[in-house]
C-alpha cells in the first residue's frame, strides 16, 4: 500500500503541470504554414488547442490553386488569433 502511494506521488511530481504542444508537431505546423504563406508566427507561444486545431485544419488542406484556398488561409489566420478568452457556446437553450 505504501509502495503504491509512493509510486503515485512520484508520477504526480514528474508529470508536467501544463503540457505544451509537442516540438515535432510545432515543426510540422511551422513547415505547413510556411507553405500557405502564413507568418511570422511565434510557434513556441501557441497553445495546445491552437496547435491541435491547426494540425487538424492542415491535415485536410485544399490545393493552393483551388477556389477554396483563400478561405482556407483566412481560417488558419483565425485560429492563430485565438487567445483562449473565447466563450464556449453550448447547444443548450438554458445558457
N, C-alpha and C. Protein backbone atom coordinates (compact mmCIF):
# COMPACT_ATOMS: atom_id res chain seq x y z
N UNK A 1 0.82 -1.19 0.00
CA UNK A 1 0.00 0.00 0.00
C UNK A 1 0.87 1.26 0.00
N UNK A 2 1.87 1.26 0.86
CA UNK A 2 2.76 2.41 0.92
C UNK A 2 3.54 2.55 -0.37
N UNK A 3 3.95 1.43 -0.94
CA UNK A 3 4.69 1.45 -2.20
C UNK A 3 3.84 2.04 -3.32
N UNK A 4 2.57 1.67 -3.37
CA UNK A 4 1.67 2.20 -4.40
C UNK A 4 1.50 3.71 -4.25
N UNK A 5 1.36 4.18 -3.03
CA UNK A 5 1.23 5.62 -2.79
C UNK A 5 2.50 6.36 -3.19
N UNK A 6 3.65 5.75 -2.92
CA UNK A 6 4.92 6.38 -3.29
C UNK A 6 5.05 6.48 -4.80
N UNK A 7 4.62 5.45 -5.52
CA UNK A 7 4.69 5.46 -6.98
C UNK A 7 3.76 6.53 -7.55
N UNK A 8 2.55 6.63 -7.01
CA UNK A 8 1.60 7.64 -7.47
C UNK A 8 2.14 9.04 -7.20
N UNK A 9 2.72 9.26 -6.04
CA UNK A 9 3.27 10.57 -5.71
C UNK A 9 4.44 10.92 -6.63
N UNK A 10 5.29 9.93 -6.92
CA UNK A 10 6.43 10.16 -7.80
C UNK A 10 5.97 10.50 -9.21
N UNK A 11 4.96 9.80 -9.70
CA UNK A 11 4.43 10.09 -11.03
C UNK A 11 3.79 11.47 -11.08
N UNK A 12 3.12 11.86 -10.02
CA UNK A 12 2.48 13.18 -9.98
C UNK A 12 3.51 14.30 -9.99
N UNK A 13 4.63 14.08 -9.34
CA UNK A 13 5.67 15.10 -9.29
C UNK A 13 6.44 15.22 -10.59
N UNK A 14 6.55 14.13 -11.33
CA UNK A 14 7.30 14.17 -12.58
C UNK A 14 6.46 14.59 -13.77
N UNK A 15 5.15 14.58 -13.65
CA UNK A 15 4.27 14.97 -14.76
C UNK A 15 4.29 16.48 -14.91
N UNK A 16 4.26 16.98 -16.13
CA UNK A 16 4.26 18.44 -16.32
C UNK A 16 2.95 19.04 -15.83
N UNK A 17 3.04 20.22 -15.27
CA UNK A 17 1.85 20.90 -14.76
C UNK A 17 0.97 21.34 -15.92
N UNK A 18 1.58 21.97 -16.91
CA UNK A 18 0.86 22.38 -18.11
C UNK A 18 1.61 21.81 -19.30
N UNK A 19 0.95 20.95 -20.03
CA UNK A 19 1.60 20.32 -21.17
C UNK A 19 1.62 21.28 -22.35
N UNK A 20 2.78 21.50 -22.88
CA UNK A 20 2.93 22.34 -24.07
C UNK A 20 2.80 21.46 -25.30
N UNK A 21 2.52 22.07 -26.44
CA UNK A 21 2.43 21.28 -27.67
C UNK A 21 3.77 20.57 -27.96
N UNK A 22 3.67 19.43 -28.55
CA UNK A 22 4.83 18.62 -28.91
C UNK A 22 5.73 19.38 -29.88
N UNK A 23 7.04 19.30 -29.68
CA UNK A 23 8.00 20.01 -30.53
C UNK A 23 7.91 19.56 -31.99
N UNK A 24 7.74 18.27 -32.20
CA UNK A 24 7.62 17.74 -33.56
C UNK A 24 6.36 18.27 -34.24
N UNK A 25 5.29 18.35 -33.48
CA UNK A 25 4.04 18.89 -34.02
C UNK A 25 4.21 20.36 -34.40
N UNK A 26 4.91 21.13 -33.56
CA UNK A 26 5.13 22.54 -33.87
C UNK A 26 5.97 22.72 -35.13
N UNK A 27 6.99 21.88 -35.31
CA UNK A 27 7.81 21.98 -36.52
C UNK A 27 6.99 21.64 -37.76
N UNK A 28 6.12 20.65 -37.64
CA UNK A 28 5.26 20.27 -38.76
C UNK A 28 4.31 21.41 -39.11
N UNK A 29 3.73 22.02 -38.09
CA UNK A 29 2.82 23.14 -38.32
C UNK A 29 3.58 24.31 -38.95
N UNK A 30 4.78 24.58 -38.45
CA UNK A 30 5.60 25.68 -39.00
C UNK A 30 5.88 25.47 -40.48
N UNK A 31 6.24 24.25 -40.85
CA UNK A 31 6.54 23.94 -42.24
C UNK A 31 5.30 24.11 -43.13
N UNK A 32 4.16 23.61 -42.66
CA UNK A 32 2.95 23.68 -43.47
C UNK A 32 2.37 25.09 -43.54
N UNK A 33 2.53 25.88 -42.46
CA UNK A 33 2.06 27.27 -42.52
C UNK A 33 2.93 28.10 -43.46
N UNK A 34 4.21 27.79 -43.51
CA UNK A 34 5.10 28.50 -44.45
C UNK A 34 4.66 28.22 -45.89
N UNK A 35 4.20 27.01 -46.16
CA UNK A 35 3.70 26.66 -47.48
C UNK A 35 2.50 27.53 -47.84
N UNK A 36 1.67 27.87 -46.84
CA UNK A 36 0.48 28.69 -47.06
C UNK A 36 0.78 30.17 -46.90
N UNK A 37 2.04 30.53 -46.75
CA UNK A 37 2.48 31.91 -46.64
C UNK A 37 1.83 32.62 -45.45
N UNK A 38 1.79 31.92 -44.32
CA UNK A 38 1.26 32.47 -43.08
C UNK A 38 2.44 32.71 -42.15
N UNK A 39 2.61 33.91 -41.72
CA UNK A 39 3.71 34.19 -40.82
C UNK A 39 3.88 35.67 -40.64
N UNK A 40 4.74 36.11 -39.82
CA UNK A 40 5.54 35.33 -38.88
C UNK A 40 4.70 34.88 -37.68
N UNK A 41 5.02 33.71 -37.19
CA UNK A 41 4.28 33.12 -36.09
C UNK A 41 5.27 32.71 -35.01
N UNK A 42 4.97 33.02 -33.76
CA UNK A 42 5.77 32.54 -32.64
C UNK A 42 5.22 31.17 -32.25
N UNK A 43 5.83 30.13 -32.78
CA UNK A 43 5.31 28.77 -32.60
C UNK A 43 5.41 28.29 -31.16
N UNK A 44 6.36 28.82 -30.42
CA UNK A 44 6.50 28.44 -29.00
C UNK A 44 5.35 29.00 -28.16
N UNK A 45 4.69 30.05 -28.65
CA UNK A 45 3.61 30.67 -27.90
C UNK A 45 2.24 30.06 -28.21
N UNK A 46 2.18 29.13 -29.15
CA UNK A 46 0.89 28.51 -29.48
C UNK A 46 0.40 27.68 -28.30
N UNK A 47 -0.89 27.76 -28.06
CA UNK A 47 -1.49 26.90 -27.04
C UNK A 47 -1.69 25.50 -27.62
N UNK A 48 -1.95 24.57 -26.75
CA UNK A 48 -2.20 23.20 -27.21
C UNK A 48 -3.43 23.15 -28.10
N UNK A 49 -4.46 23.91 -27.75
CA UNK A 49 -5.68 23.90 -28.57
C UNK A 49 -5.43 24.53 -29.94
N UNK A 50 -4.62 25.57 -30.01
CA UNK A 50 -4.29 26.16 -31.30
C UNK A 50 -3.49 25.18 -32.15
N UNK A 51 -2.49 24.54 -31.54
CA UNK A 51 -1.67 23.58 -32.29
C UNK A 51 -2.53 22.43 -32.81
N UNK A 52 -3.44 21.94 -31.97
CA UNK A 52 -4.31 20.84 -32.39
C UNK A 52 -5.24 21.27 -33.51
N UNK A 53 -5.81 22.48 -33.38
CA UNK A 53 -6.72 22.97 -34.42
C UNK A 53 -5.99 23.19 -35.74
N UNK A 54 -4.78 23.75 -35.67
CA UNK A 54 -4.00 23.95 -36.89
C UNK A 54 -3.63 22.62 -37.53
N UNK A 55 -3.23 21.67 -36.71
CA UNK A 55 -2.86 20.36 -37.24
C UNK A 55 -4.05 19.71 -37.95
N UNK A 56 -5.22 19.76 -37.32
CA UNK A 56 -6.41 19.15 -37.92
C UNK A 56 -6.81 19.89 -39.20
N UNK A 57 -6.73 21.21 -39.17
CA UNK A 57 -7.10 22.01 -40.34
C UNK A 57 -6.13 21.74 -41.49
N UNK A 58 -4.83 21.70 -41.18
CA UNK A 58 -3.82 21.50 -42.22
C UNK A 58 -3.81 20.07 -42.76
N UNK A 59 -4.35 19.13 -41.99
CA UNK A 59 -4.42 17.75 -42.47
C UNK A 59 -5.37 17.60 -43.65
N UNK A 60 -6.34 18.48 -43.73
CA UNK A 60 -7.33 18.44 -44.81
C UNK A 60 -7.22 19.67 -45.70
N UNK A 61 -6.01 20.11 -45.96
CA UNK A 61 -5.80 21.33 -46.74
C UNK A 61 -6.18 21.11 -48.20
N UNK A 62 -6.84 22.10 -48.78
CA UNK A 62 -7.16 22.01 -50.21
C UNK A 62 -5.93 22.35 -51.04
N UNK A 63 -6.03 22.20 -52.31
CA UNK A 63 -4.96 22.61 -53.22
C UNK A 63 -4.82 24.12 -53.17
N UNK A 64 -3.60 24.60 -53.27
CA UNK A 64 -3.39 26.06 -53.24
C UNK A 64 -4.00 26.72 -54.45
N UNK A 65 -4.33 25.97 -55.46
CA UNK A 65 -4.88 26.53 -56.69
C UNK A 65 -6.39 26.34 -56.78
N UNK A 66 -6.99 25.84 -55.72
CA UNK A 66 -8.44 25.65 -55.74
C UNK A 66 -9.13 26.97 -55.37
N UNK A 67 -10.41 27.01 -55.58
CA UNK A 67 -11.17 28.21 -55.25
C UNK A 67 -11.32 28.40 -53.76
N UNK A 68 -11.04 27.37 -53.00
CA UNK A 68 -11.22 27.41 -51.56
C UNK A 68 -9.95 27.85 -50.82
N UNK A 69 -8.85 28.05 -51.52
CA UNK A 69 -7.57 28.31 -50.86
C UNK A 69 -7.56 29.63 -50.09
N UNK A 70 -8.21 30.67 -50.61
CA UNK A 70 -8.23 31.95 -49.90
C UNK A 70 -8.99 31.83 -48.58
N UNK A 71 -10.14 31.16 -48.62
CA UNK A 71 -10.93 30.98 -47.42
C UNK A 71 -10.18 30.10 -46.41
N UNK A 72 -9.48 29.09 -46.90
CA UNK A 72 -8.71 28.21 -46.03
C UNK A 72 -7.62 28.99 -45.30
N UNK A 73 -6.91 29.86 -46.02
CA UNK A 73 -5.86 30.68 -45.41
C UNK A 73 -6.45 31.60 -44.34
N UNK A 74 -7.63 32.16 -44.58
CA UNK A 74 -8.29 33.00 -43.58
C UNK A 74 -8.65 32.21 -42.34
N UNK A 75 -9.06 30.95 -42.51
CA UNK A 75 -9.37 30.10 -41.37
C UNK A 75 -8.12 29.84 -40.54
N UNK A 76 -6.98 29.66 -41.19
CA UNK A 76 -5.72 29.47 -40.47
C UNK A 76 -5.37 30.72 -39.66
N UNK A 77 -5.55 31.88 -40.25
CA UNK A 77 -5.27 33.13 -39.54
C UNK A 77 -6.21 33.32 -38.36
N UNK A 78 -7.45 32.90 -38.49
CA UNK A 78 -8.40 32.98 -37.39
C UNK A 78 -7.95 32.12 -36.22
N UNK A 79 -7.50 30.92 -36.49
CA UNK A 79 -7.01 30.03 -35.43
C UNK A 79 -5.81 30.66 -34.73
N UNK A 80 -4.94 31.28 -35.48
CA UNK A 80 -3.76 31.90 -34.88
C UNK A 80 -4.11 33.09 -34.01
N UNK A 81 -5.24 33.71 -34.22
CA UNK A 81 -5.65 34.87 -33.41
C UNK A 81 -6.36 34.48 -32.13
N UNK A 82 -6.67 33.20 -31.94
CA UNK A 82 -7.32 32.77 -30.70
C UNK A 82 -6.43 33.15 -29.52
N UNK A 83 -7.05 33.62 -28.45
CA UNK A 83 -6.26 33.90 -27.26
C UNK A 83 -6.77 33.13 -26.04
N UNK A 84 -7.73 32.26 -26.23
CA UNK A 84 -8.24 31.44 -25.14
C UNK A 84 -9.38 32.10 -24.37
N UNK A 85 -9.73 33.34 -24.70
CA UNK A 85 -10.79 34.02 -23.98
C UNK A 85 -12.15 33.89 -24.67
N UNK A 86 -12.19 33.11 -25.73
CA UNK A 86 -13.45 32.95 -26.47
C UNK A 86 -14.47 32.22 -25.59
N UNK A 87 -15.71 32.60 -25.74
CA UNK A 87 -16.77 31.95 -24.99
C UNK A 87 -17.09 30.62 -25.66
N UNK A 88 -17.22 29.60 -24.84
CA UNK A 88 -17.62 28.29 -25.37
C UNK A 88 -19.14 28.26 -25.42
N UNK A 89 -19.66 28.24 -26.62
CA UNK A 89 -21.10 28.25 -26.78
C UNK A 89 -21.64 26.83 -26.67
N UNK A 90 -22.77 26.74 -26.06
CA UNK A 90 -23.42 25.46 -25.83
C UNK A 90 -24.68 25.38 -26.67
N UNK A 91 -25.07 24.16 -27.00
CA UNK A 91 -26.31 23.96 -27.73
C UNK A 91 -27.53 24.00 -26.81
N UNK A 92 -27.28 24.02 -25.49
CA UNK A 92 -28.39 24.08 -24.54
C UNK A 92 -29.03 25.46 -24.59
N UNK A 93 -30.36 25.49 -24.62
CA UNK A 93 -31.06 26.76 -24.69
C UNK A 93 -31.03 27.50 -23.35
N UNK A 94 -30.70 26.80 -22.27
CA UNK A 94 -30.69 27.43 -20.96
C UNK A 94 -29.48 28.32 -20.74
N UNK A 95 -28.44 28.20 -21.58
CA UNK A 95 -27.22 29.00 -21.40
C UNK A 95 -27.37 30.40 -21.89
